[in-house]
């Protein structure tokens, strides 16, 4: 997991970093230190992995946000040998939908109108929340600034991020989100 920020106001905006970290073997201590915010940069992460004899693979090429018509989608994942967990947010102008997918079972865990949604590990969510609270108005530029600020203090995020926006006017934006979610269930083989 890392960080996805979505806003479903008059304009829908979504941003996500591109980092993916895979752990091999017993890396519980390293994962705990990383996701609690104790490890601040890549050099510290690699040094700590070596100290703990942990094997990690880091990639900064995974897109966590994308556009599907008038809907912006973002996802954070947690995959282990025994389980697969995804949290996905769908946003369009004036509406959002949050879906949890655990081992192929999809469940809607949140929905609503205009809102700000932050997905990620506890450390990145808290840091982004604090940074966003200090802003007066949420905008694509403000979210981009928060992504840059939060990524500077953690090794769980890539320094680069993707930001997308859409301004769409629908009589029933919630139904547009449900249609996109239903298509994803069919495409991915999820049970809802």
N, C-alpha and C. Protein backbone atom coordinates (compact mmCIF):
# COMPACT_ATOMS: atom_id res chain seq x y z
N UNK A 1 0.84 -1.20 0.00
CA UNK A 1 0.00 0.00 0.00
C UNK A 1 0.87 1.24 0.00
N UNK A 2 0.32 2.30 -0.51
CA UNK A 2 1.02 3.57 -0.45
C UNK A 2 -0.01 4.67 -0.34
N UNK A 3 -0.25 5.48 -1.38
CA UNK A 3 -1.18 6.59 -1.22
C UNK A 3 -1.96 6.88 -2.49
N UNK A 4 -3.29 6.96 -2.32
CA UNK A 4 -4.20 7.41 -3.36
C UNK A 4 -5.11 8.45 -2.71
N UNK A 5 -5.22 9.62 -3.33
CA UNK A 5 -6.10 10.69 -2.84
C UNK A 5 -7.13 10.96 -3.93
N UNK A 6 -8.41 10.96 -3.54
CA UNK A 6 -9.48 11.22 -4.50
C UNK A 6 -10.40 12.30 -3.95
N UNK A 7 -10.91 13.14 -4.85
CA UNK A 7 -11.84 14.20 -4.48
C UNK A 7 -13.00 14.18 -5.46
N UNK A 8 -14.21 14.17 -4.93
CA UNK A 8 -15.40 14.10 -5.79
C UNK A 8 -16.26 15.34 -5.64
N UNK A 9 -15.70 16.48 -5.94
CA UNK A 9 -16.44 17.73 -5.91
C UNK A 9 -17.03 18.04 -7.28
N UNK A 10 -17.15 19.31 -7.60
CA UNK A 10 -17.62 19.71 -8.93
C UNK A 10 -16.71 19.13 -10.00
N UNK A 11 -15.43 19.13 -9.69
CA UNK A 11 -14.44 18.45 -10.53
C UNK A 11 -13.96 17.24 -9.74
N UNK A 12 -13.85 16.10 -10.38
CA UNK A 12 -13.30 14.91 -9.72
C UNK A 12 -11.79 14.88 -9.99
N UNK A 13 -11.02 14.59 -8.94
CA UNK A 13 -9.57 14.54 -9.04
C UNK A 13 -9.10 13.28 -8.34
N UNK A 14 -8.10 12.62 -8.90
CA UNK A 14 -7.50 11.47 -8.24
C UNK A 14 -6.00 11.50 -8.47
N UNK A 15 -5.24 11.11 -7.45
CA UNK A 15 -3.78 11.06 -7.55
C UNK A 15 -3.29 9.79 -6.87
N UNK A 16 -2.25 9.21 -7.43
CA UNK A 16 -1.66 8.02 -6.83
C UNK A 16 -0.19 7.94 -7.12
N UNK A 17 0.56 7.39 -6.18
CA UNK A 17 1.98 7.18 -6.42
C UNK A 17 2.14 5.92 -7.26
N UNK A 18 3.36 5.53 -7.57
CA UNK A 18 3.59 4.39 -8.48
C UNK A 18 4.42 3.28 -7.85
N UNK A 19 4.63 3.33 -6.56
CA UNK A 19 5.52 2.36 -5.91
C UNK A 19 4.81 1.04 -5.63
N UNK A 20 5.55 -0.02 -5.85
CA UNK A 20 5.12 -1.37 -5.50
C UNK A 20 6.30 -2.03 -4.78
N UNK A 21 6.04 -2.58 -3.61
CA UNK A 21 7.10 -3.25 -2.85
C UNK A 21 6.67 -4.68 -2.60
N UNK A 22 7.51 -5.64 -2.99
CA UNK A 22 7.26 -7.06 -2.73
C UNK A 22 8.28 -7.54 -1.70
N UNK A 23 7.79 -8.29 -0.74
CA UNK A 23 8.64 -8.83 0.31
C UNK A 23 8.76 -10.34 0.11
N UNK A 24 9.95 -10.88 0.26
CA UNK A 24 10.16 -12.33 0.14
C UNK A 24 10.71 -12.85 1.46
N UNK A 25 10.13 -13.91 1.96
CA UNK A 25 10.58 -14.48 3.22
C UNK A 25 9.96 -13.76 4.40
N UNK A 26 10.55 -13.93 5.57
CA UNK A 26 10.03 -13.33 6.80
C UNK A 26 10.50 -11.88 6.89
N UNK A 27 9.60 -10.97 6.58
CA UNK A 27 9.91 -9.54 6.57
C UNK A 27 8.99 -8.77 7.50
N UNK A 28 8.39 -9.45 8.47
CA UNK A 28 7.40 -8.78 9.33
C UNK A 28 7.95 -7.54 10.02
N UNK A 29 9.15 -7.63 10.56
CA UNK A 29 9.73 -6.49 11.26
C UNK A 29 9.94 -5.32 10.31
N UNK A 30 10.48 -5.62 9.14
CA UNK A 30 10.72 -4.57 8.15
C UNK A 30 9.40 -3.94 7.69
N UNK A 31 8.39 -4.76 7.42
CA UNK A 31 7.09 -4.23 7.01
C UNK A 31 6.49 -3.33 8.09
N UNK A 32 6.58 -3.78 9.34
CA UNK A 32 6.04 -2.99 10.45
C UNK A 32 6.74 -1.64 10.55
N UNK A 33 8.06 -1.64 10.45
CA UNK A 33 8.82 -0.39 10.53
C UNK A 33 8.51 0.52 9.33
N UNK A 34 8.40 -0.08 8.15
CA UNK A 34 8.13 0.70 6.94
C UNK A 34 6.75 1.35 7.00
N UNK A 35 5.72 0.56 7.29
CA UNK A 35 4.35 1.08 7.23
C UNK A 35 3.93 1.88 8.46
N UNK A 36 4.77 1.90 9.49
CA UNK A 36 4.48 2.75 10.65
C UNK A 36 5.15 4.12 10.52
N UNK A 37 5.97 4.31 9.48
CA UNK A 37 6.61 5.59 9.25
C UNK A 37 8.00 5.71 9.85
N UNK A 38 8.56 4.63 10.38
CA UNK A 38 9.89 4.68 10.98
C UNK A 38 11.00 4.77 9.93
N UNK A 39 10.70 4.32 8.72
CA UNK A 39 11.68 4.36 7.63
C UNK A 39 11.29 5.49 6.69
N UNK A 40 12.19 6.45 6.49
CA UNK A 40 11.84 7.69 5.80
C UNK A 40 12.25 7.79 4.34
N UNK A 41 13.25 7.01 3.92
CA UNK A 41 13.69 7.12 2.52
C UNK A 41 14.20 5.78 2.01
N UNK A 42 14.48 5.73 0.72
CA UNK A 42 14.87 4.48 0.08
C UNK A 42 16.19 3.95 0.63
N UNK A 43 17.15 4.83 0.88
CA UNK A 43 18.45 4.37 1.40
C UNK A 43 18.27 3.71 2.76
N UNK A 44 17.45 4.31 3.61
CA UNK A 44 17.20 3.75 4.93
C UNK A 44 16.47 2.40 4.80
N UNK A 45 15.55 2.29 3.86
CA UNK A 45 14.83 1.04 3.63
C UNK A 45 15.78 -0.07 3.20
N UNK A 46 16.64 0.22 2.24
CA UNK A 46 17.58 -0.79 1.77
C UNK A 46 18.57 -1.19 2.85
N UNK A 47 19.04 -0.21 3.63
CA UNK A 47 19.97 -0.51 4.72
C UNK A 47 19.31 -1.39 5.77
N UNK A 48 18.07 -1.05 6.13
CA UNK A 48 17.35 -1.81 7.16
C UNK A 48 17.03 -3.22 6.66
N UNK A 49 16.69 -3.37 5.39
CA UNK A 49 16.42 -4.69 4.82
C UNK A 49 17.68 -5.57 4.91
N UNK A 50 18.82 -4.96 4.61
CA UNK A 50 20.07 -5.72 4.70
C UNK A 50 20.37 -6.12 6.15
N UNK A 51 20.15 -5.19 7.09
CA UNK A 51 20.38 -5.51 8.51
C UNK A 51 19.50 -6.67 8.99
N UNK A 52 18.28 -6.74 8.47
CA UNK A 52 17.34 -7.78 8.88
C UNK A 52 17.39 -9.01 7.99
N UNK A 53 18.31 -9.02 7.01
CA UNK A 53 18.40 -10.11 6.03
C UNK A 53 17.07 -10.36 5.34
N UNK A 54 16.39 -9.27 5.03
CA UNK A 54 15.09 -9.34 4.35
C UNK A 54 15.29 -9.08 2.86
N UNK A 55 14.53 -9.77 2.05
CA UNK A 55 14.59 -9.58 0.61
C UNK A 55 13.38 -8.77 0.16
N UNK A 56 13.64 -7.65 -0.52
CA UNK A 56 12.55 -6.81 -1.02
C UNK A 56 12.81 -6.48 -2.48
N UNK A 57 11.70 -6.24 -3.20
CA UNK A 57 11.76 -5.83 -4.59
C UNK A 57 10.94 -4.55 -4.70
N UNK A 58 11.56 -3.48 -5.21
CA UNK A 58 10.91 -2.17 -5.32
C UNK A 58 10.76 -1.81 -6.79
N UNK A 59 9.56 -1.39 -7.15
CA UNK A 59 9.30 -0.92 -8.52
C UNK A 59 8.51 0.38 -8.42
N UNK A 60 8.84 1.35 -9.25
CA UNK A 60 8.11 2.61 -9.28
C UNK A 60 7.35 2.78 -10.59
N UNK A 61 6.87 1.66 -11.16
CA UNK A 61 6.19 1.71 -12.44
C UNK A 61 4.73 1.28 -12.40
N UNK A 62 4.15 1.10 -11.24
CA UNK A 62 2.76 0.61 -11.15
C UNK A 62 1.79 1.78 -11.12
N UNK A 63 0.87 1.80 -12.07
CA UNK A 63 -0.17 2.85 -12.08
C UNK A 63 -1.29 2.43 -11.14
N UNK A 64 -1.58 3.26 -10.16
CA UNK A 64 -2.62 2.98 -9.17
C UNK A 64 -3.89 3.77 -9.41
N UNK A 65 -3.84 4.68 -10.40
CA UNK A 65 -5.02 5.46 -10.75
C UNK A 65 -5.19 5.44 -12.26
N UNK A 66 -6.46 5.43 -12.72
CA UNK A 66 -6.74 5.43 -14.15
C UNK A 66 -8.13 5.99 -14.39
N UNK A 67 -8.39 6.25 -15.65
CA UNK A 67 -9.68 6.81 -16.06
C UNK A 67 -10.46 5.75 -16.83
N UNK A 68 -11.75 5.64 -16.53
CA UNK A 68 -12.66 4.75 -17.24
C UNK A 68 -13.87 5.60 -17.64
N UNK A 69 -13.81 6.22 -18.82
CA UNK A 69 -14.87 7.13 -19.25
C UNK A 69 -14.89 8.36 -18.34
N UNK A 70 -16.04 8.65 -17.73
CA UNK A 70 -16.17 9.79 -16.81
C UNK A 70 -15.86 9.42 -15.37
N UNK A 71 -15.32 8.23 -15.16
CA UNK A 71 -15.02 7.76 -13.80
C UNK A 71 -13.51 7.64 -13.63
N UNK A 72 -13.03 8.14 -12.50
CA UNK A 72 -11.62 7.99 -12.11
C UNK A 72 -11.56 6.87 -11.08
N UNK A 73 -10.56 6.00 -11.22
CA UNK A 73 -10.45 4.84 -10.34
C UNK A 73 -9.05 4.83 -9.73
N UNK A 74 -8.98 4.49 -8.44
CA UNK A 74 -7.71 4.34 -7.76
C UNK A 74 -7.73 3.10 -6.90
N UNK A 75 -6.57 2.51 -6.69
CA UNK A 75 -6.52 1.25 -5.95
C UNK A 75 -5.23 1.12 -5.16
N UNK A 76 -5.37 0.63 -3.94
CA UNK A 76 -4.22 0.21 -3.15
C UNK A 76 -4.40 -1.28 -2.87
N UNK A 77 -3.30 -2.02 -2.80
CA UNK A 77 -3.38 -3.47 -2.64
C UNK A 77 -2.44 -3.95 -1.55
N UNK A 78 -2.78 -5.12 -1.04
CA UNK A 78 -1.93 -5.83 -0.10
C UNK A 78 -2.05 -7.30 -0.46
N UNK A 79 -0.94 -7.89 -0.91
CA UNK A 79 -0.96 -9.27 -1.36
C UNK A 79 0.03 -10.07 -0.54
N UNK A 80 -0.43 -11.22 -0.03
CA UNK A 80 0.46 -12.14 0.67
C UNK A 80 0.29 -13.52 0.05
N UNK A 81 1.04 -14.48 0.55
CA UNK A 81 0.94 -15.84 0.03
C UNK A 81 -0.47 -16.39 0.23
N UNK A 82 -1.12 -16.01 1.33
CA UNK A 82 -2.42 -16.59 1.67
C UNK A 82 -3.62 -15.71 1.35
N UNK A 83 -3.40 -14.44 0.98
CA UNK A 83 -4.55 -13.54 0.82
C UNK A 83 -4.24 -12.41 -0.16
N UNK A 84 -5.31 -11.89 -0.74
CA UNK A 84 -5.21 -10.73 -1.63
C UNK A 84 -6.28 -9.73 -1.21
N UNK A 85 -5.85 -8.50 -0.92
CA UNK A 85 -6.79 -7.45 -0.50
C UNK A 85 -6.58 -6.23 -1.38
N UNK A 86 -7.70 -5.68 -1.84
CA UNK A 86 -7.67 -4.44 -2.62
C UNK A 86 -8.69 -3.49 -2.01
N UNK A 87 -8.36 -2.24 -2.01
CA UNK A 87 -9.34 -1.19 -1.69
C UNK A 87 -9.33 -0.28 -2.90
N UNK A 88 -10.52 -0.12 -3.50
CA UNK A 88 -10.64 0.64 -4.73
C UNK A 88 -11.62 1.78 -4.50
N UNK A 89 -11.29 2.95 -5.05
CA UNK A 89 -12.20 4.09 -4.99
C UNK A 89 -12.55 4.48 -6.42
N UNK A 90 -13.83 4.74 -6.62
CA UNK A 90 -14.35 5.22 -7.90
C UNK A 90 -14.90 6.62 -7.64
N UNK A 91 -14.50 7.61 -8.44
CA UNK A 91 -15.01 8.97 -8.27
C UNK A 91 -15.40 9.57 -9.62
N UNK A 92 -16.42 10.39 -9.56
CA UNK A 92 -16.79 11.24 -10.67
C UNK A 92 -17.28 12.53 -10.04
N UNK A 93 -17.58 13.52 -10.83
CA UNK A 93 -18.04 14.80 -10.27
C UNK A 93 -19.28 14.56 -9.41
N UNK A 94 -19.15 14.83 -8.12
CA UNK A 94 -20.29 14.77 -7.21
C UNK A 94 -20.58 13.43 -6.57
N UNK A 95 -19.76 12.39 -6.78
CA UNK A 95 -20.05 11.09 -6.16
C UNK A 95 -18.78 10.24 -6.05
N UNK A 96 -18.80 9.36 -5.03
CA UNK A 96 -17.71 8.40 -4.87
C UNK A 96 -18.27 7.06 -4.43
N UNK A 97 -17.47 6.02 -4.62
CA UNK A 97 -17.81 4.66 -4.22
C UNK A 97 -16.51 4.00 -3.77
N UNK A 98 -16.52 3.38 -2.60
CA UNK A 98 -15.34 2.65 -2.12
C UNK A 98 -15.69 1.17 -2.07
N UNK A 99 -14.80 0.34 -2.61
CA UNK A 99 -15.03 -1.10 -2.68
C UNK A 99 -13.83 -1.82 -2.08
N UNK A 100 -14.10 -2.80 -1.23
CA UNK A 100 -13.06 -3.68 -0.70
C UNK A 100 -13.19 -5.02 -1.39
N UNK A 101 -12.07 -5.52 -1.91
CA UNK A 101 -12.06 -6.82 -2.56
C UNK A 101 -11.07 -7.70 -1.80
N UNK A 102 -11.61 -8.74 -1.16
CA UNK A 102 -10.77 -9.66 -0.39
C UNK A 102 -10.93 -11.04 -0.99
N UNK A 103 -9.83 -11.57 -1.49
CA UNK A 103 -9.82 -12.91 -2.10
C UNK A 103 -10.94 -13.09 -3.12
N UNK A 104 -11.16 -12.08 -3.96
CA UNK A 104 -12.13 -12.17 -5.04
C UNK A 104 -13.56 -11.83 -4.66
N UNK A 105 -13.81 -11.48 -3.41
CA UNK A 105 -15.14 -11.07 -2.96
C UNK A 105 -15.18 -9.56 -2.82
N UNK A 106 -16.03 -8.91 -3.62
CA UNK A 106 -16.11 -7.44 -3.63
C UNK A 106 -17.30 -6.98 -2.79
N UNK A 107 -17.04 -5.99 -1.93
CA UNK A 107 -18.09 -5.44 -1.06
C UNK A 107 -17.97 -3.93 -1.04
N UNK A 108 -19.09 -3.25 -1.25
CA UNK A 108 -19.10 -1.80 -1.17
C UNK A 108 -19.00 -1.40 0.29
N UNK A 109 -17.99 -0.60 0.62
CA UNK A 109 -17.79 -0.21 2.02
C UNK A 109 -18.05 1.27 2.26
N UNK A 110 -18.28 2.03 1.19
CA UNK A 110 -18.59 3.44 1.36
C UNK A 110 -19.09 4.04 0.07
N UNK A 111 -19.97 5.03 0.20
CA UNK A 111 -20.46 5.76 -0.97
C UNK A 111 -21.01 7.08 -0.51
N UNK A 112 -21.06 8.03 -1.43
CA UNK A 112 -21.60 9.33 -1.07
C UNK A 112 -21.42 10.34 -2.17
N UNK A 113 -21.63 11.60 -1.80
CA UNK A 113 -21.53 12.70 -2.75
C UNK A 113 -20.15 13.32 -2.74
N UNK A 114 -20.11 14.64 -2.68
CA UNK A 114 -18.83 15.35 -2.68
C UNK A 114 -18.04 14.98 -1.43
N UNK A 115 -16.80 14.55 -1.62
CA UNK A 115 -16.00 14.11 -0.49
C UNK A 115 -14.53 14.02 -0.88
N UNK A 116 -13.70 13.90 0.14
CA UNK A 116 -12.27 13.67 -0.02
C UNK A 116 -11.97 12.30 0.56
N UNK A 117 -11.31 11.45 -0.21
CA UNK A 117 -11.01 10.08 0.21
C UNK A 117 -9.51 9.89 0.14
N UNK A 118 -8.95 9.28 1.20
CA UNK A 118 -7.52 9.01 1.24
C UNK A 118 -7.34 7.51 1.51
N UNK A 119 -6.66 6.82 0.62
CA UNK A 119 -6.37 5.40 0.78
C UNK A 119 -4.86 5.21 0.90
N UNK A 120 -4.46 4.29 1.74
CA UNK A 120 -3.04 3.98 1.89
C UNK A 120 -2.78 3.36 3.24
N UNK A 121 -1.52 3.29 3.61
CA UNK A 121 -1.21 2.78 4.94
C UNK A 121 -1.46 3.90 5.96
N UNK A 122 -1.52 3.54 7.21
CA UNK A 122 -1.87 4.51 8.26
C UNK A 122 -0.96 5.74 8.24
N UNK A 123 0.32 5.52 8.05
CA UNK A 123 1.28 6.64 8.07
C UNK A 123 1.02 7.62 6.93
N UNK A 124 0.87 7.12 5.70
CA UNK A 124 0.66 8.03 4.58
C UNK A 124 -0.71 8.70 4.65
N UNK A 125 -1.74 7.95 5.09
CA UNK A 125 -3.08 8.54 5.24
C UNK A 125 -3.05 9.69 6.25
N UNK A 126 -2.41 9.46 7.39
CA UNK A 126 -2.34 10.50 8.43
C UNK A 126 -1.57 11.73 7.93
N UNK A 127 -0.44 11.50 7.28
CA UNK A 127 0.37 12.62 6.77
C UNK A 127 -0.40 13.41 5.71
N UNK A 128 -1.09 12.71 4.82
CA UNK A 128 -1.88 13.40 3.79
C UNK A 128 -3.04 14.15 4.41
N UNK A 129 -3.69 13.55 5.40
CA UNK A 129 -4.81 14.21 6.09
C UNK A 129 -4.38 15.50 6.75
N UNK A 130 -3.23 15.47 7.43
CA UNK A 130 -2.72 16.70 8.07
C UNK A 130 -2.41 17.77 7.04
N UNK A 131 -1.76 17.36 5.95
CA UNK A 131 -1.41 18.33 4.90
C UNK A 131 -2.65 18.92 4.24
N UNK A 132 -3.66 18.11 4.00
CA UNK A 132 -4.88 18.58 3.36
C UNK A 132 -5.70 19.49 4.27
N UNK A 133 -5.65 19.24 5.59
CA UNK A 133 -6.39 20.08 6.54
C UNK A 133 -5.87 21.51 6.54
N UNK A 134 -4.59 21.67 6.24
CA UNK A 134 -4.01 23.02 6.26
C UNK A 134 -4.37 23.82 5.01
N UNK A 135 -4.98 23.17 4.02
CA UNK A 135 -5.36 23.85 2.79
C UNK A 135 -6.77 24.42 2.92
N UNK A 136 -7.01 25.52 2.29
CA UNK A 136 -8.35 26.09 2.30
C UNK A 136 -9.26 25.44 1.29
N UNK A 137 -8.76 25.20 0.10
CA UNK A 137 -9.57 24.67 -0.99
C UNK A 137 -8.86 23.46 -1.60
N UNK A 138 -9.63 22.42 -1.87
CA UNK A 138 -9.07 21.23 -2.51
C UNK A 138 -9.11 21.43 -4.02
N UNK A 139 -7.97 21.21 -4.66
CA UNK A 139 -7.86 21.32 -6.11
C UNK A 139 -6.83 20.30 -6.58
N UNK A 140 -6.73 20.12 -7.89
CA UNK A 140 -5.74 19.21 -8.44
C UNK A 140 -4.33 19.65 -8.05
N UNK A 141 -4.06 20.95 -8.10
CA UNK A 141 -2.73 21.45 -7.73
C UNK A 141 -2.44 21.22 -6.25
N UNK A 142 -3.45 21.41 -5.40
CA UNK A 142 -3.27 21.19 -3.96
C UNK A 142 -2.97 19.71 -3.68
N UNK A 143 -3.71 18.82 -4.34
CA UNK A 143 -3.48 17.39 -4.14
C UNK A 143 -2.10 16.99 -4.64
N UNK A 144 -1.67 17.54 -5.78
CA UNK A 144 -0.32 17.27 -6.29
C UNK A 144 0.74 17.70 -5.28
N UNK A 145 0.53 18.86 -4.66
CA UNK A 145 1.47 19.34 -3.64
C UNK A 145 1.52 18.43 -2.43
N UNK A 146 0.37 17.91 -2.02
CA UNK A 146 0.32 16.99 -0.88
C UNK A 146 1.03 15.68 -1.22
N UNK A 147 0.82 15.18 -2.43
CA UNK A 147 1.51 13.94 -2.84
C UNK A 147 3.03 14.14 -2.76
N UNK A 148 3.51 15.28 -3.24
CA UNK A 148 4.94 15.57 -3.23
C UNK A 148 5.45 15.68 -1.79
N UNK A 149 4.70 16.38 -0.94
CA UNK A 149 5.11 16.56 0.45
C UNK A 149 5.16 15.24 1.20
N UNK A 150 4.14 14.41 1.07
CA UNK A 150 4.10 13.15 1.80
C UNK A 150 5.18 12.19 1.29
N UNK A 151 5.39 12.14 -0.02
CA UNK A 151 6.38 11.21 -0.57
C UNK A 151 7.80 11.54 -0.11
N UNK A 152 8.05 12.79 0.24
CA UNK A 152 9.39 13.19 0.69
C UNK A 152 9.75 12.60 2.05
N UNK A 153 8.75 12.11 2.80
CA UNK A 153 9.02 11.62 4.15
C UNK A 153 8.79 10.14 4.36
N UNK A 154 8.63 9.37 3.28
CA UNK A 154 8.38 7.94 3.45
C UNK A 154 8.97 7.15 2.30
N UNK A 155 9.37 5.91 2.59
CA UNK A 155 9.87 5.02 1.54
C UNK A 155 8.75 4.17 0.96
N UNK A 156 7.52 4.32 1.46
CA UNK A 156 6.42 3.51 0.91
C UNK A 156 5.88 4.08 -0.38
N UNK A 157 6.28 5.29 -0.75
CA UNK A 157 5.77 5.95 -1.95
C UNK A 157 6.89 6.27 -2.92
N UNK A 158 6.55 6.24 -4.21
CA UNK A 158 7.48 6.75 -5.22
C UNK A 158 7.47 8.28 -5.14
N UNK A 159 8.50 8.91 -5.63
CA UNK A 159 8.54 10.37 -5.63
C UNK A 159 7.65 10.93 -6.74
N UNK A 160 7.43 10.15 -7.78
CA UNK A 160 6.57 10.55 -8.89
C UNK A 160 5.14 10.08 -8.61
N UNK A 161 4.18 10.79 -9.15
CA UNK A 161 2.79 10.40 -8.99
C UNK A 161 2.01 10.71 -10.27
N UNK A 162 0.85 10.10 -10.36
CA UNK A 162 -0.06 10.35 -11.48
C UNK A 162 -1.25 11.11 -10.93
N UNK A 163 -1.69 12.14 -11.62
CA UNK A 163 -2.88 12.88 -11.22
C UNK A 163 -3.81 13.01 -12.42
N UNK A 164 -5.08 12.71 -12.19
CA UNK A 164 -6.10 12.78 -13.25
C UNK A 164 -7.27 13.60 -12.76
N UNK A 165 -8.00 14.19 -13.68
CA UNK A 165 -9.20 14.94 -13.31
C UNK A 165 -10.25 14.80 -14.39
N UNK A 166 -11.49 14.97 -13.97
CA UNK A 166 -12.60 14.91 -14.90
C UNK A 166 -13.71 15.84 -14.40
N UNK A 167 -14.30 16.55 -15.32
CA UNK A 167 -15.48 17.35 -15.02
C UNK A 167 -16.60 16.78 -15.87
N UNK A 168 -17.52 16.11 -15.23
CA UNK A 168 -18.63 15.48 -15.94
C UNK A 168 -19.91 15.85 -15.23
N UNK A 169 -20.97 16.01 -15.99
CA UNK A 169 -22.26 16.36 -15.40
C UNK A 169 -23.24 15.24 -15.71
N UNK A 170 -23.64 14.53 -14.68
CA UNK A 170 -24.60 13.43 -14.83
C UNK A 170 -25.75 13.66 -13.86
N UNK A 171 -26.97 13.33 -14.29
CA UNK A 171 -28.13 13.44 -13.39
C UNK A 171 -27.98 12.52 -12.19
N UNK A 172 -27.41 11.34 -12.42
CA UNK A 172 -27.26 10.35 -11.35
C UNK A 172 -25.82 9.81 -11.36
N UNK A 173 -24.88 10.59 -10.80
CA UNK A 173 -23.48 10.15 -10.86
C UNK A 173 -23.24 8.82 -10.13
N UNK A 174 -24.03 8.54 -9.09
CA UNK A 174 -23.85 7.28 -8.35
C UNK A 174 -24.11 6.08 -9.26
N UNK A 175 -25.06 6.20 -10.17
CA UNK A 175 -25.35 5.07 -11.07
C UNK A 175 -24.20 4.84 -12.05
N UNK A 176 -23.54 5.91 -12.46
CA UNK A 176 -22.37 5.79 -13.34
C UNK A 176 -21.27 5.01 -12.63
N UNK A 177 -21.07 5.30 -11.35
CA UNK A 177 -20.05 4.59 -10.57
C UNK A 177 -20.42 3.11 -10.42
N UNK A 178 -21.69 2.82 -10.15
CA UNK A 178 -22.13 1.43 -10.01
C UNK A 178 -21.96 0.65 -11.31
N UNK A 179 -22.21 1.30 -12.44
CA UNK A 179 -22.02 0.63 -13.74
C UNK A 179 -20.56 0.27 -13.94
N UNK A 180 -19.67 1.19 -13.59
CA UNK A 180 -18.23 0.93 -13.73
C UNK A 180 -17.80 -0.19 -12.80
N UNK A 181 -18.28 -0.15 -11.56
CA UNK A 181 -17.97 -1.21 -10.59
C UNK A 181 -18.47 -2.57 -11.10
N UNK A 182 -19.68 -2.62 -11.62
CA UNK A 182 -20.25 -3.88 -12.13
C UNK A 182 -19.41 -4.43 -13.28
N UNK A 183 -18.98 -3.55 -14.18
CA UNK A 183 -18.11 -3.98 -15.29
C UNK A 183 -16.80 -4.55 -14.76
N UNK A 184 -16.24 -3.89 -13.73
CA UNK A 184 -14.99 -4.38 -13.15
C UNK A 184 -15.17 -5.75 -12.51
N UNK A 185 -16.31 -5.96 -11.83
CA UNK A 185 -16.58 -7.28 -11.22
C UNK A 185 -16.60 -8.35 -12.30
N UNK A 186 -17.27 -8.06 -13.40
CA UNK A 186 -17.36 -9.03 -14.49
C UNK A 186 -15.98 -9.28 -15.11
N UNK A 187 -15.25 -8.21 -15.37
CA UNK A 187 -13.93 -8.31 -16.02
C UNK A 187 -12.92 -9.03 -15.12
N UNK A 188 -12.95 -8.74 -13.81
CA UNK A 188 -11.96 -9.30 -12.89
C UNK A 188 -12.39 -10.64 -12.28
N UNK A 189 -13.66 -11.02 -12.50
CA UNK A 189 -14.15 -12.26 -11.92
C UNK A 189 -14.46 -12.15 -10.44
N UNK A 190 -14.75 -10.93 -9.96
CA UNK A 190 -15.07 -10.73 -8.54
C UNK A 190 -16.52 -11.11 -8.28
N UNK A 191 -16.77 -11.64 -7.09
CA UNK A 191 -18.13 -11.90 -6.63
C UNK A 191 -18.56 -10.71 -5.78
N UNK A 192 -19.75 -10.16 -6.07
CA UNK A 192 -20.18 -8.99 -5.28
C UNK A 192 -21.38 -9.33 -4.42
